[in-house]
Amino acid sequence: MSQSAENKIFAMSQSAENKIFAMSRPSETSSPLHLPRMKTCCCCINLKAGVVIISILWLVFGLYEAIADIMAYRSTDTNNFYSYIYTFTLITGIMALFTVIGALYGLIVVSFAKITQTYVIIAWLIAARYIINSIAEIILLLSLKDSFLSYCDLDGYSEDTCLSTYNNVLLIAIIEDILIIIISIYFATVVAAYRAHRVEKDKASGLAEVH
């Protein structure tokens, strides 16, 4: 075989190897799972603005939850349905305060500095908190069915009316909690996506990664 033929074969093999290697590498716009990387929040807002809005929402709803749960916990009316869930409202109230602190931290670092990996962790902890809280709420409603019906009967309502009311409350709670879980996971994903975007931008600019 001539030297020219050998060179052509070698060049063809190198080209094939390069193509295979290029196909096996994830693109710059893909995640490690080869999925398209999130570029906007809610399909129309840039990631930074999305993270700011998410942080504000967590802050506002966290404050609302903390106040509502503390007021429920402080209820002294033994006939109030909240009297059956003192422990639950106390725990959720404390968790809501941690959500407020975490959201405030994120709002500060995103607005006045660069988003940190710490806030990504906090975002997933906030999402986990809402997931756990939603599951616990459904379990609590199911376990307190008899107490709910007894409390309803004391007010003079018929058994059918009480049962129908309980079923409606349970259905609404399930739908609401499913939406909360989905939104919480999405919000945490947006925060993580913005962090990844900032890291790539800093690397492209030759800057050190923010921790």
N, C-alpha and C. Protein backbone atom coordinates (compact mmCIF):
# COMPACT_ATOMS: atom_id res chain seq x y z
N MET A 1 0.86 -1.20 0.00
CA MET A 1 0.00 0.00 0.00
C MET A 1 0.89 1.24 0.00
N SER A 2 0.58 2.21 -0.81
CA SER A 2 1.40 3.41 -0.94
C SER A 2 1.25 4.29 0.29
N GLN A 3 2.25 5.18 0.45
CA GLN A 3 2.22 6.11 1.60
C GLN A 3 1.02 7.03 1.52
N SER A 4 0.65 7.44 0.31
CA SER A 4 -0.50 8.33 0.11
C SER A 4 -1.80 7.66 0.56
N ALA A 5 -1.96 6.37 0.23
CA ALA A 5 -3.17 5.65 0.63
C ALA A 5 -3.24 5.50 2.14
N GLU A 6 -2.07 5.21 2.75
CA GLU A 6 -2.04 5.07 4.21
C GLU A 6 -2.42 6.38 4.88
N ASN A 7 -1.93 7.50 4.35
CA ASN A 7 -2.25 8.81 4.92
C ASN A 7 -3.74 9.11 4.83
N LYS A 8 -4.36 8.73 3.70
CA LYS A 8 -5.80 8.96 3.52
C LYS A 8 -6.61 8.14 4.53
N ILE A 9 -6.21 6.86 4.70
CA ILE A 9 -6.92 5.99 5.66
C ILE A 9 -6.78 6.54 7.07
N PHE A 10 -5.57 6.99 7.42
CA PHE A 10 -5.33 7.54 8.76
C PHE A 10 -6.16 8.81 8.98
N ALA A 11 -6.21 9.66 7.94
CA ALA A 11 -6.99 10.89 8.06
C ALA A 11 -8.48 10.60 8.21
N MET A 12 -8.97 9.58 7.49
CA MET A 12 -10.39 9.22 7.58
C MET A 12 -10.71 8.67 8.97
N SER A 13 -9.82 7.86 9.52
CA SER A 13 -10.06 7.30 10.85
C SER A 13 -10.05 8.38 11.91
N GLN A 14 -9.14 9.36 11.80
CA GLN A 14 -9.08 10.47 12.74
C GLN A 14 -10.35 11.32 12.67
N SER A 15 -10.84 11.54 11.45
CA SER A 15 -12.06 12.31 11.26
C SER A 15 -13.25 11.62 11.90
N ALA A 16 -13.31 10.28 11.72
CA ALA A 16 -14.41 9.51 12.31
C ALA A 16 -14.36 9.56 13.83
N GLU A 17 -13.14 9.46 14.39
CA GLU A 17 -13.00 9.52 15.84
C GLU A 17 -13.43 10.88 16.37
N ASN A 18 -13.05 11.95 15.68
CA ASN A 18 -13.43 13.29 16.11
C ASN A 18 -14.93 13.49 16.09
N LYS A 19 -15.61 12.95 15.07
CA LYS A 19 -17.06 13.07 14.98
C LYS A 19 -17.75 12.33 16.12
N ILE A 20 -17.25 11.11 16.42
CA ILE A 20 -17.83 10.33 17.51
C ILE A 20 -17.63 11.04 18.84
N PHE A 21 -16.42 11.61 19.04
CA PHE A 21 -16.12 12.32 20.28
C PHE A 21 -17.02 13.56 20.43
N ALA A 22 -17.21 14.26 19.33
CA ALA A 22 -18.06 15.46 19.36
C ALA A 22 -19.51 15.11 19.67
N MET A 23 -19.98 13.99 19.12
CA MET A 23 -21.36 13.57 19.37
C MET A 23 -21.56 13.12 20.81
N SER A 24 -20.49 12.59 21.41
CA SER A 24 -20.61 12.07 22.78
C SER A 24 -20.55 13.17 23.82
N ARG A 25 -20.05 14.37 23.45
CA ARG A 25 -19.95 15.47 24.40
C ARG A 25 -21.27 16.23 24.47
N PRO A 26 -21.70 16.62 25.73
CA PRO A 26 -22.92 17.44 25.83
C PRO A 26 -22.66 18.82 25.30
N SER A 27 -23.64 19.39 24.66
CA SER A 27 -23.48 20.74 24.12
C SER A 27 -23.46 21.75 25.24
N GLU A 28 -23.02 22.98 24.93
CA GLU A 28 -22.93 24.01 25.94
C GLU A 28 -24.29 24.43 26.45
N THR A 29 -25.32 24.19 25.65
CA THR A 29 -26.65 24.61 26.05
C THR A 29 -27.45 23.46 26.62
N SER A 30 -26.78 22.34 26.90
CA SER A 30 -27.50 21.19 27.44
C SER A 30 -27.03 20.90 28.84
N SER A 31 -27.88 20.25 29.62
CA SER A 31 -27.53 19.80 30.95
C SER A 31 -26.80 18.48 30.84
N PRO A 32 -26.25 17.93 31.98
CA PRO A 32 -25.58 16.64 31.93
C PRO A 32 -26.48 15.52 31.43
N LEU A 33 -27.80 15.71 31.51
CA LEU A 33 -28.73 14.69 31.03
C LEU A 33 -29.10 14.94 29.57
N HIS A 34 -28.39 15.85 28.90
CA HIS A 34 -28.63 16.18 27.50
C HIS A 34 -30.01 16.80 27.27
N LEU A 35 -30.54 17.46 28.33
CA LEU A 35 -31.79 18.16 28.19
C LEU A 35 -31.50 19.64 27.95
N PRO A 36 -32.36 20.34 27.22
CA PRO A 36 -32.13 21.76 26.99
C PRO A 36 -32.07 22.53 28.31
N ARG A 37 -31.09 23.40 28.45
CA ARG A 37 -30.94 24.15 29.68
C ARG A 37 -31.95 25.29 29.71
N MET A 38 -32.52 25.51 30.92
CA MET A 38 -33.50 26.57 31.08
C MET A 38 -32.84 27.92 30.84
N LYS A 39 -33.45 28.74 30.00
CA LYS A 39 -32.90 30.05 29.67
C LYS A 39 -33.77 31.19 30.18
N THR A 40 -35.04 30.91 30.47
CA THR A 40 -35.94 31.93 30.98
C THR A 40 -36.81 31.34 32.09
N CYS A 41 -37.41 32.22 32.86
CA CYS A 41 -38.37 31.80 33.89
C CYS A 41 -39.77 32.03 33.35
N CYS A 42 -40.61 31.02 33.44
CA CYS A 42 -41.99 31.11 32.96
C CYS A 42 -42.07 31.47 31.47
N CYS A 43 -41.04 31.10 30.73
CA CYS A 43 -40.98 31.24 29.27
C CYS A 43 -40.88 32.68 28.77
N CYS A 44 -40.85 33.66 29.68
CA CYS A 44 -40.85 35.04 29.20
C CYS A 44 -40.02 36.00 30.05
N ILE A 45 -39.48 35.54 31.16
CA ILE A 45 -38.73 36.41 32.07
C ILE A 45 -37.30 35.93 32.14
N ASN A 46 -36.33 36.83 32.10
CA ASN A 46 -34.94 36.40 32.21
C ASN A 46 -34.70 35.79 33.59
N LEU A 47 -33.69 34.93 33.68
CA LEU A 47 -33.49 34.14 34.89
C LEU A 47 -33.25 34.99 36.14
N LYS A 48 -32.46 36.04 36.02
CA LYS A 48 -32.18 36.86 37.21
C LYS A 48 -33.46 37.49 37.75
N ALA A 49 -34.25 38.08 36.85
CA ALA A 49 -35.52 38.68 37.28
C ALA A 49 -36.44 37.62 37.87
N GLY A 50 -36.42 36.43 37.27
CA GLY A 50 -37.23 35.34 37.78
C GLY A 50 -36.84 34.94 39.19
N VAL A 51 -35.53 34.87 39.46
CA VAL A 51 -35.06 34.52 40.80
C VAL A 51 -35.44 35.60 41.81
N VAL A 52 -35.36 36.86 41.40
CA VAL A 52 -35.76 37.96 42.29
C VAL A 52 -37.24 37.85 42.63
N ILE A 53 -38.07 37.62 41.61
CA ILE A 53 -39.52 37.48 41.83
C ILE A 53 -39.82 36.28 42.73
N ILE A 54 -39.14 35.17 42.47
CA ILE A 54 -39.34 33.97 43.28
C ILE A 54 -38.96 34.23 44.74
N SER A 55 -37.86 34.92 44.95
CA SER A 55 -37.41 35.24 46.31
C SER A 55 -38.43 36.13 47.02
N ILE A 56 -38.99 37.09 46.30
CA ILE A 56 -40.01 37.97 46.89
C ILE A 56 -41.25 37.17 47.25
N LEU A 57 -41.67 36.27 46.36
CA LEU A 57 -42.84 35.44 46.64
C LEU A 57 -42.62 34.57 47.87
N TRP A 58 -41.45 33.94 47.95
CA TRP A 58 -41.13 33.13 49.13
C TRP A 58 -41.14 33.99 50.39
N LEU A 59 -40.62 35.20 50.29
CA LEU A 59 -40.57 36.10 51.44
C LEU A 59 -41.97 36.48 51.90
N VAL A 60 -42.81 36.91 50.96
CA VAL A 60 -44.16 37.36 51.29
C VAL A 60 -45.02 36.22 51.83
N PHE A 61 -45.03 35.09 51.11
CA PHE A 61 -45.86 33.97 51.55
C PHE A 61 -45.31 33.34 52.83
N GLY A 62 -43.98 33.39 53.01
CA GLY A 62 -43.41 32.88 54.25
C GLY A 62 -43.86 33.70 55.44
N LEU A 63 -43.87 35.03 55.29
CA LEU A 63 -44.35 35.90 56.36
C LEU A 63 -45.83 35.65 56.65
N TYR A 64 -46.61 35.53 55.57
CA TYR A 64 -48.05 35.27 55.75
C TYR A 64 -48.29 33.96 56.48
N GLU A 65 -47.57 32.91 56.07
CA GLU A 65 -47.74 31.61 56.71
C GLU A 65 -47.33 31.65 58.18
N ALA A 66 -46.22 32.32 58.46
CA ALA A 66 -45.73 32.40 59.84
C ALA A 66 -46.75 33.10 60.73
N ILE A 67 -47.28 34.22 60.26
CA ILE A 67 -48.26 34.98 61.05
C ILE A 67 -49.54 34.17 61.23
N ALA A 68 -50.04 33.56 60.14
CA ALA A 68 -51.28 32.78 60.21
C ALA A 68 -51.13 31.58 61.14
N ASP A 69 -50.00 30.89 61.06
CA ASP A 69 -49.80 29.70 61.89
C ASP A 69 -49.63 30.07 63.37
N ILE A 70 -48.92 31.18 63.63
CA ILE A 70 -48.76 31.61 65.02
C ILE A 70 -50.10 32.03 65.61
N MET A 71 -50.93 32.73 64.84
CA MET A 71 -52.26 33.12 65.31
C MET A 71 -53.12 31.89 65.58
N ALA A 72 -53.01 30.88 64.71
CA ALA A 72 -53.78 29.66 64.91
C ALA A 72 -53.31 28.92 66.15
N TYR A 73 -52.00 28.92 66.35
CA TYR A 73 -51.43 28.22 67.51
C TYR A 73 -51.84 28.88 68.82
N ARG A 74 -51.97 30.21 68.78
CA ARG A 74 -52.31 30.96 70.00
C ARG A 74 -53.80 30.93 70.31
N SER A 75 -54.59 30.28 69.45
CA SER A 75 -56.03 30.23 69.68
C SER A 75 -56.32 29.50 70.99
N THR A 76 -57.18 30.08 71.80
CA THR A 76 -57.52 29.48 73.09
C THR A 76 -58.91 28.87 73.10
N ASP A 77 -59.62 28.94 71.99
CA ASP A 77 -60.97 28.39 71.88
C ASP A 77 -60.88 26.89 71.70
N THR A 78 -61.30 26.13 72.71
CA THR A 78 -61.19 24.66 72.65
C THR A 78 -62.12 24.06 71.61
N ASN A 79 -63.13 24.83 71.19
CA ASN A 79 -64.03 24.33 70.15
C ASN A 79 -63.53 24.65 68.75
N ASN A 80 -62.46 25.45 68.67
CA ASN A 80 -61.89 25.80 67.38
C ASN A 80 -61.18 24.58 66.80
N PHE A 81 -61.36 24.35 65.50
CA PHE A 81 -60.76 23.17 64.87
C PHE A 81 -59.24 23.20 64.95
N TYR A 82 -58.68 24.42 65.06
CA TYR A 82 -57.22 24.55 65.16
C TYR A 82 -56.70 23.90 66.44
N SER A 83 -57.56 23.72 67.45
CA SER A 83 -57.10 23.14 68.71
C SER A 83 -56.60 21.72 68.52
N TYR A 84 -56.98 21.06 67.42
CA TYR A 84 -56.53 19.70 67.14
C TYR A 84 -55.17 19.66 66.45
N ILE A 85 -54.71 20.80 65.99
CA ILE A 85 -53.47 20.79 65.20
C ILE A 85 -52.46 21.82 65.70
N TYR A 86 -52.40 22.01 67.01
CA TYR A 86 -51.45 22.96 67.59
C TYR A 86 -50.02 22.64 67.20
N THR A 87 -49.64 21.38 67.35
CA THR A 87 -48.26 20.99 67.06
C THR A 87 -47.92 21.24 65.59
N PHE A 88 -48.84 20.88 64.71
CA PHE A 88 -48.60 21.06 63.27
C PHE A 88 -48.43 22.53 62.92
N THR A 89 -49.30 23.39 63.46
CA THR A 89 -49.21 24.81 63.14
C THR A 89 -47.94 25.44 63.71
N LEU A 90 -47.50 24.96 64.87
CA LEU A 90 -46.27 25.48 65.45
C LEU A 90 -45.06 25.12 64.58
N ILE A 91 -45.01 23.87 64.14
CA ILE A 91 -43.89 23.42 63.30
C ILE A 91 -43.88 24.16 61.96
N THR A 92 -45.04 24.27 61.32
CA THR A 92 -45.10 24.95 60.02
C THR A 92 -44.80 26.44 60.17
N GLY A 93 -45.18 27.02 61.31
CA GLY A 93 -44.88 28.43 61.55
C GLY A 93 -43.38 28.66 61.67
N ILE A 94 -42.69 27.77 62.37
CA ILE A 94 -41.24 27.88 62.51
C ILE A 94 -40.56 27.67 61.15
N MET A 95 -41.03 26.68 60.39
CA MET A 95 -40.46 26.43 59.07
C MET A 95 -40.68 27.61 58.14
N ALA A 96 -41.82 28.28 58.29
CA ALA A 96 -42.11 29.47 57.47
C ALA A 96 -41.13 30.59 57.78
N LEU A 97 -40.74 30.72 59.04
CA LEU A 97 -39.75 31.73 59.41
C LEU A 97 -38.40 31.46 58.77
N PHE A 98 -38.01 30.18 58.71
CA PHE A 98 -36.77 29.81 58.04
C PHE A 98 -36.86 30.12 56.54
N THR A 99 -38.05 29.93 55.97
CA THR A 99 -38.26 30.27 54.56
C THR A 99 -38.06 31.77 54.33
N VAL A 100 -38.57 32.57 55.25
CA VAL A 100 -38.41 34.02 55.16
C VAL A 100 -36.94 34.41 55.20
N ILE A 101 -36.20 33.82 56.14
CA ILE A 101 -34.77 34.12 56.27
C ILE A 101 -34.01 33.71 55.01
N GLY A 102 -34.31 32.51 54.50
CA GLY A 102 -33.64 32.03 53.29
C GLY A 102 -33.96 32.89 52.08
N ALA A 103 -35.22 33.28 51.94
CA ALA A 103 -35.62 34.12 50.81
C ALA A 103 -34.99 35.50 50.89
N LEU A 104 -34.89 36.04 52.10
CA LEU A 104 -34.27 37.35 52.29
C LEU A 104 -32.78 37.30 51.92
N TYR A 105 -32.12 36.22 52.32
CA TYR A 105 -30.71 36.04 51.95
C TYR A 105 -30.56 35.99 50.43
N GLY A 106 -31.41 35.20 49.78
CA GLY A 106 -31.34 35.08 48.32
C GLY A 106 -31.61 36.40 47.63
N LEU A 107 -32.58 37.15 48.14
CA LEU A 107 -32.91 38.43 47.53
C LEU A 107 -31.74 39.40 47.61
N ILE A 108 -31.01 39.35 48.72
CA ILE A 108 -29.86 40.24 48.90
C ILE A 108 -28.72 39.85 47.96
N VAL A 109 -28.36 38.56 47.93
CA VAL A 109 -27.21 38.15 47.12
C VAL A 109 -27.48 38.29 45.62
N VAL A 110 -28.72 38.07 45.21
CA VAL A 110 -29.05 38.19 43.79
C VAL A 110 -29.12 39.65 43.36
N SER A 111 -29.62 40.51 44.23
CA SER A 111 -29.80 41.92 43.88
C SER A 111 -28.50 42.71 43.97
N PHE A 112 -27.65 42.38 44.94
CA PHE A 112 -26.47 43.21 45.19
C PHE A 112 -25.14 42.48 44.98
N ALA A 113 -25.18 41.20 44.70
CA ALA A 113 -23.94 40.45 44.48
C ALA A 113 -24.20 39.41 43.41
N LYS A 114 -23.53 38.27 43.51
CA LYS A 114 -23.74 37.17 42.57
C LYS A 114 -24.37 36.00 43.30
N ILE A 115 -25.28 35.32 42.62
CA ILE A 115 -25.95 34.19 43.23
C ILE A 115 -24.93 33.13 43.63
N THR A 116 -25.11 32.55 44.80
CA THR A 116 -24.16 31.59 45.33
C THR A 116 -24.76 30.19 45.35
N GLN A 117 -23.88 29.20 45.47
CA GLN A 117 -24.33 27.81 45.58
C GLN A 117 -25.14 27.62 46.86
N THR A 118 -24.82 28.44 47.87
CA THR A 118 -25.57 28.37 49.13
C THR A 118 -27.05 28.64 48.91
N TYR A 119 -27.35 29.63 48.05
CA TYR A 119 -28.77 29.93 47.81
C TYR A 119 -29.44 28.84 47.00
N VAL A 120 -28.71 28.17 46.15
CA VAL A 120 -29.28 27.02 45.43
C VAL A 120 -29.70 25.94 46.42
N ILE A 121 -28.83 25.69 47.39
CA ILE A 121 -29.15 24.69 48.43
C ILE A 121 -30.36 25.14 49.24
N ILE A 122 -30.38 26.43 49.60
CA ILE A 122 -31.52 26.97 50.35
C ILE A 122 -32.81 26.84 49.55
N ALA A 123 -32.73 27.10 48.24
CA ALA A 123 -33.91 27.01 47.37
C ALA A 123 -34.48 25.59 47.37
N TRP A 124 -33.59 24.60 47.29
CA TRP A 124 -34.06 23.21 47.31
C TRP A 124 -34.59 22.82 48.69
N LEU A 125 -34.02 23.40 49.76
CA LEU A 125 -34.54 23.15 51.10
C LEU A 125 -35.92 23.76 51.27
N ILE A 126 -36.13 24.96 50.69
CA ILE A 126 -37.45 25.59 50.73
C ILE A 126 -38.46 24.73 49.96
N ALA A 127 -38.04 24.24 48.79
CA ALA A 127 -38.92 23.36 48.01
C ALA A 127 -39.25 22.10 48.79
N ALA A 128 -38.23 21.52 49.44
CA ALA A 128 -38.45 20.30 50.25
C ALA A 128 -39.40 20.60 51.40
N ARG A 129 -39.28 21.78 51.97
CA ARG A 129 -40.17 22.17 53.07
C ARG A 129 -41.63 22.22 52.61
N TYR A 130 -41.86 22.81 51.43
CA TYR A 130 -43.23 22.89 50.91
C TYR A 130 -43.76 21.50 50.54
N ILE A 131 -42.89 20.65 50.02
CA ILE A 131 -43.31 19.29 49.68
C ILE A 131 -43.71 18.52 50.93
N ILE A 132 -42.85 18.57 51.95
CA ILE A 132 -43.13 17.88 53.21
C ILE A 132 -44.39 18.44 53.86
N ASN A 133 -44.52 19.76 53.85
CA ASN A 133 -45.67 20.40 54.46
C ASN A 133 -46.97 20.00 53.75
N SER A 134 -46.91 19.91 52.41
CA SER A 134 -48.10 19.53 51.64
C SER A 134 -48.53 18.09 51.92
N ILE A 135 -47.54 17.20 51.95
CA ILE A 135 -47.85 15.79 52.25
C ILE A 135 -48.39 15.64 53.67
N ALA A 136 -47.76 16.37 54.62
CA ALA A 136 -48.21 16.31 56.01
C ALA A 136 -49.63 16.84 56.17
N GLU A 137 -49.96 17.88 55.40
CA GLU A 137 -51.30 18.45 55.48
C GLU A 137 -52.37 17.44 55.03
N ILE A 138 -52.08 16.72 53.95
CA ILE A 138 -53.04 15.72 53.47
C ILE A 138 -53.18 14.59 54.50
N ILE A 139 -52.05 14.13 55.04
CA ILE A 139 -52.09 13.07 56.05
C ILE A 139 -52.88 13.54 57.28
N LEU A 140 -52.67 14.80 57.67
CA LEU A 140 -53.38 15.35 58.83
C LEU A 140 -54.88 15.41 58.59
N LEU A 141 -55.27 15.87 57.40
CA LEU A 141 -56.70 15.94 57.08
C LEU A 141 -57.35 14.55 57.09
N LEU A 142 -56.64 13.56 56.57
CA LEU A 142 -57.16 12.21 56.56
C LEU A 142 -57.29 11.65 57.97
N SER A 143 -56.30 11.92 58.80
CA SER A 143 -56.31 11.38 60.16
C SER A 143 -57.31 12.07 61.07
N LEU A 144 -57.67 13.33 60.73
CA LEU A 144 -58.60 14.09 61.56
C LEU A 144 -60.03 14.10 60.99
N LYS A 145 -60.32 13.14 60.14
CA LYS A 145 -61.66 13.10 59.54
C LYS A 145 -62.74 13.00 60.61
N ASP A 146 -62.59 12.08 61.56
CA ASP A 146 -63.60 11.89 62.60
C ASP A 146 -63.75 13.13 63.46
N SER A 147 -62.63 13.78 63.78
CA SER A 147 -62.69 14.99 64.59
C SER A 147 -63.40 16.11 63.84
N PHE A 148 -63.12 16.21 62.56
CA PHE A 148 -63.76 17.23 61.73
C PHE A 148 -65.28 17.01 61.69
N LEU A 149 -65.69 15.77 61.49
CA LEU A 149 -67.12 15.46 61.41
C LEU A 149 -67.80 15.69 62.76
N SER A 150 -67.11 15.37 63.84
CA SER A 150 -67.68 15.59 65.17
C SER A 150 -67.86 17.08 65.45
N TYR A 151 -66.86 17.85 65.09
CA TYR A 151 -66.94 19.30 65.27
C TYR A 151 -68.06 19.89 64.43
N CYS A 152 -68.22 19.36 63.22
CA CYS A 152 -69.30 19.83 62.34
C CYS A 152 -70.67 19.48 62.92
N ASP A 153 -70.80 18.27 63.48
CA ASP A 153 -72.07 17.86 64.08
C ASP A 153 -72.46 18.74 65.26
N LEU A 154 -71.47 19.21 66.01
CA LEU A 154 -71.74 20.07 67.17
C LEU A 154 -72.40 21.38 66.75
N ASP A 155 -72.15 21.79 65.52
CA ASP A 155 -72.75 23.04 65.02
C ASP A 155 -74.15 22.82 64.47
N GLY A 156 -74.64 21.59 64.55
CA GLY A 156 -76.02 21.32 64.15
C GLY A 156 -76.22 20.96 62.69
N TYR A 157 -75.14 20.73 61.94
CA TYR A 157 -75.27 20.34 60.54
C TYR A 157 -75.55 18.85 60.43
N SER A 158 -76.21 18.47 59.33
CA SER A 158 -76.52 17.05 59.13
C SER A 158 -75.25 16.27 58.80
N GLU A 159 -75.31 14.96 58.97
CA GLU A 159 -74.14 14.11 58.71
C GLU A 159 -73.73 14.17 57.24
N ASP A 160 -74.73 14.18 56.34
CA ASP A 160 -74.42 14.26 54.91
C ASP A 160 -73.73 15.58 54.55
N THR A 161 -74.22 16.67 55.15
CA THR A 161 -73.63 17.98 54.90
C THR A 161 -72.18 18.02 55.40
N CYS A 162 -71.96 17.47 56.58
CA CYS A 162 -70.60 17.45 57.16
C CYS A 162 -69.66 16.62 56.31
N LEU A 163 -70.13 15.45 55.87
CA LEU A 163 -69.29 14.57 55.06
C LEU A 163 -68.97 15.21 53.71
N SER A 164 -69.98 15.85 53.10
CA SER A 164 -69.78 16.51 51.82
C SER A 164 -68.78 17.66 51.96
N THR A 165 -68.90 18.41 53.05
CA THR A 165 -67.97 19.52 53.30
C THR A 165 -66.55 19.00 53.48
N TYR A 166 -66.41 17.92 54.25
CA TYR A 166 -65.08 17.33 54.47
C TYR A 166 -64.46 16.87 53.15
N ASN A 167 -65.25 16.19 52.33
CA ASN A 167 -64.73 15.70 51.04
C ASN A 167 -64.31 16.85 50.13
N ASN A 168 -65.08 17.93 50.15
CA ASN A 168 -64.72 19.10 49.34
C ASN A 168 -63.43 19.75 49.84
N VAL A 169 -63.31 19.86 51.16
CA VAL A 169 -62.09 20.43 51.76
C VAL A 169 -60.89 19.57 51.41
N LEU A 170 -61.04 18.25 51.49
CA LEU A 170 -59.95 17.33 51.18
C LEU A 170 -59.55 17.42 49.72
N LEU A 171 -60.54 17.49 48.83
CA LEU A 171 -60.25 17.57 47.39
C LEU A 171 -59.51 18.86 47.06
N ILE A 172 -59.99 19.98 47.61
CA ILE A 172 -59.35 21.27 47.36
C ILE A 172 -57.92 21.26 47.90
N ALA A 173 -57.72 20.67 49.08
CA ALA A 173 -56.40 20.61 49.68
C ALA A 173 -55.44 19.78 48.83
N ILE A 174 -55.92 18.67 48.30
CA ILE A 174 -55.08 17.80 47.46
C ILE A 174 -54.65 18.54 46.20
N ILE A 175 -55.61 19.18 45.52
CA ILE A 175 -55.30 19.93 44.30
C ILE A 175 -54.32 21.06 44.61
N GLU A 176 -54.58 21.79 45.68
CA GLU A 176 -53.72 22.91 46.07
C GLU A 176 -52.31 22.43 46.39
N ASP A 177 -52.20 21.32 47.13
CA ASP A 177 -50.88 20.83 47.53
C ASP A 177 -50.09 20.27 46.33
N ILE A 178 -50.78 19.66 45.39
CA ILE A 178 -50.10 19.19 44.17
C ILE A 178 -49.52 20.37 43.40
N LEU A 179 -50.31 21.43 43.28
CA LEU A 179 -49.82 22.64 42.59
C LEU A 179 -48.64 23.26 43.33
N ILE A 180 -48.72 23.29 44.66
CA ILE A 180 -47.63 23.85 45.46
C ILE A 180 -46.35 23.05 45.26
N ILE A 181 -46.46 21.72 45.23
CA ILE A 181 -45.28 20.87 45.03
C ILE A 181 -44.65 21.13 43.67
N ILE A 182 -45.48 21.18 42.62
CA ILE A 182 -44.97 21.41 41.27
C ILE A 182 -44.30 22.79 41.17
N ILE A 183 -44.96 23.82 41.70
CA ILE A 183 -44.41 25.17 41.64
C ILE A 183 -43.12 25.27 42.44
N SER A 184 -43.07 24.63 43.60
CA SER A 184 -41.88 24.69 44.45
C SER A 184 -40.68 24.07 43.75
N ILE A 185 -40.88 22.92 43.12
CA ILE A 185 -39.79 22.27 42.38
C ILE A 185 -39.35 23.14 41.22
N TYR A 186 -40.30 23.75 40.53
CA TYR A 186 -39.96 24.61 39.39
C TYR A 186 -39.17 25.83 39.86
N PHE A 187 -39.60 26.45 40.95
CA PHE A 187 -38.89 27.63 41.47
C PHE A 187 -37.45 27.28 41.83
N ALA A 188 -37.24 26.16 42.50
CA ALA A 188 -35.88 25.75 42.87
C ALA A 188 -35.05 25.46 41.62
N THR A 189 -35.68 24.91 40.60
CA THR A 189 -34.99 24.63 39.34
C THR A 189 -34.55 25.92 38.66
N VAL A 190 -35.38 26.96 38.72
CA VAL A 190 -35.02 28.26 38.15
C VAL A 190 -33.80 28.84 38.86
N VAL A 191 -33.79 28.75 40.18
CA VAL A 191 -32.65 29.26 40.95
C VAL A 191 -31.37 28.52 40.57
N ALA A 192 -31.46 27.18 40.46
CA ALA A 192 -30.29 26.38 40.08
C ALA A 192 -29.84 26.70 38.66
N ALA A 193 -30.80 26.93 37.76
CA ALA A 193 -30.46 27.25 36.37
C ALA A 193 -29.75 28.60 36.28
N TYR A 194 -30.20 29.56 37.06
CA TYR A 194 -29.54 30.87 37.04
C TYR A 194 -28.13 30.78 37.61
N ARG A 195 -27.95 29.98 38.64
CA ARG A 195 -26.62 29.77 39.20
C ARG A 195 -25.68 29.15 38.14
N ALA A 196 -26.17 28.12 37.43
CA ALA A 196 -25.37 27.48 36.38
C ALA A 196 -25.04 28.47 35.27
N HIS A 197 -26.00 29.31 34.92
CA HIS A 197 -25.79 30.33 33.88
C HIS A 197 -24.70 31.31 34.30
N ARG A 198 -24.72 31.74 35.57
CA ARG A 198 -23.72 32.69 36.06
C ARG A 198 -22.33 32.05 36.09
N VAL A 199 -22.26 30.78 36.50
CA VAL A 199 -20.97 30.09 36.55
C VAL A 199 -20.37 29.99 35.15
N GLU A 200 -21.19 29.62 34.16
CA GLU A 200 -20.70 29.52 32.78
C GLU A 200 -20.25 30.89 32.26
N LYS A 201 -21.00 31.92 32.59
CA LYS A 201 -20.65 33.26 32.14
C LYS A 201 -19.34 33.72 32.77
N ASP A 202 -19.15 33.41 34.06
CA ASP A 202 -17.91 33.79 34.74
C ASP A 202 -16.72 33.03 34.18
N LYS A 203 -16.92 31.76 33.88
CA LYS A 203 -15.84 30.96 33.30
C LYS A 203 -15.46 31.50 31.93
N ALA A 204 -16.48 31.89 31.17
CA ALA A 204 -16.20 32.44 29.84
C ALA A 204 -15.45 33.77 29.92
N SER A 205 -15.67 34.49 31.02
CA SER A 205 -15.01 35.77 31.22
C SER A 205 -13.66 35.62 31.91
N GLY A 206 -13.33 34.38 32.28
CA GLY A 206 -12.07 34.13 32.94
C GLY A 206 -12.07 34.46 34.41
N LEU A 207 -13.26 34.51 35.02
CA LEU A 207 -13.37 34.83 36.44
C LEU A 207 -13.44 33.56 37.25
N ALA A 208 -13.09 33.66 38.51
CA ALA A 208 -13.15 32.51 39.40
C ALA A 208 -14.61 32.22 39.75
N GLU A 209 -14.89 30.97 39.97
CA GLU A 209 -16.25 30.56 40.30
C GLU A 209 -16.63 31.05 41.68
N VAL A 210 -17.88 31.49 41.79
CA VAL A 210 -18.38 31.99 43.08
C VAL A 210 -18.85 30.81 43.91
N HIS A 211 -18.50 30.77 45.19
CA HIS A 211 -18.89 29.68 46.08
C HIS A 211 -19.97 30.16 47.04
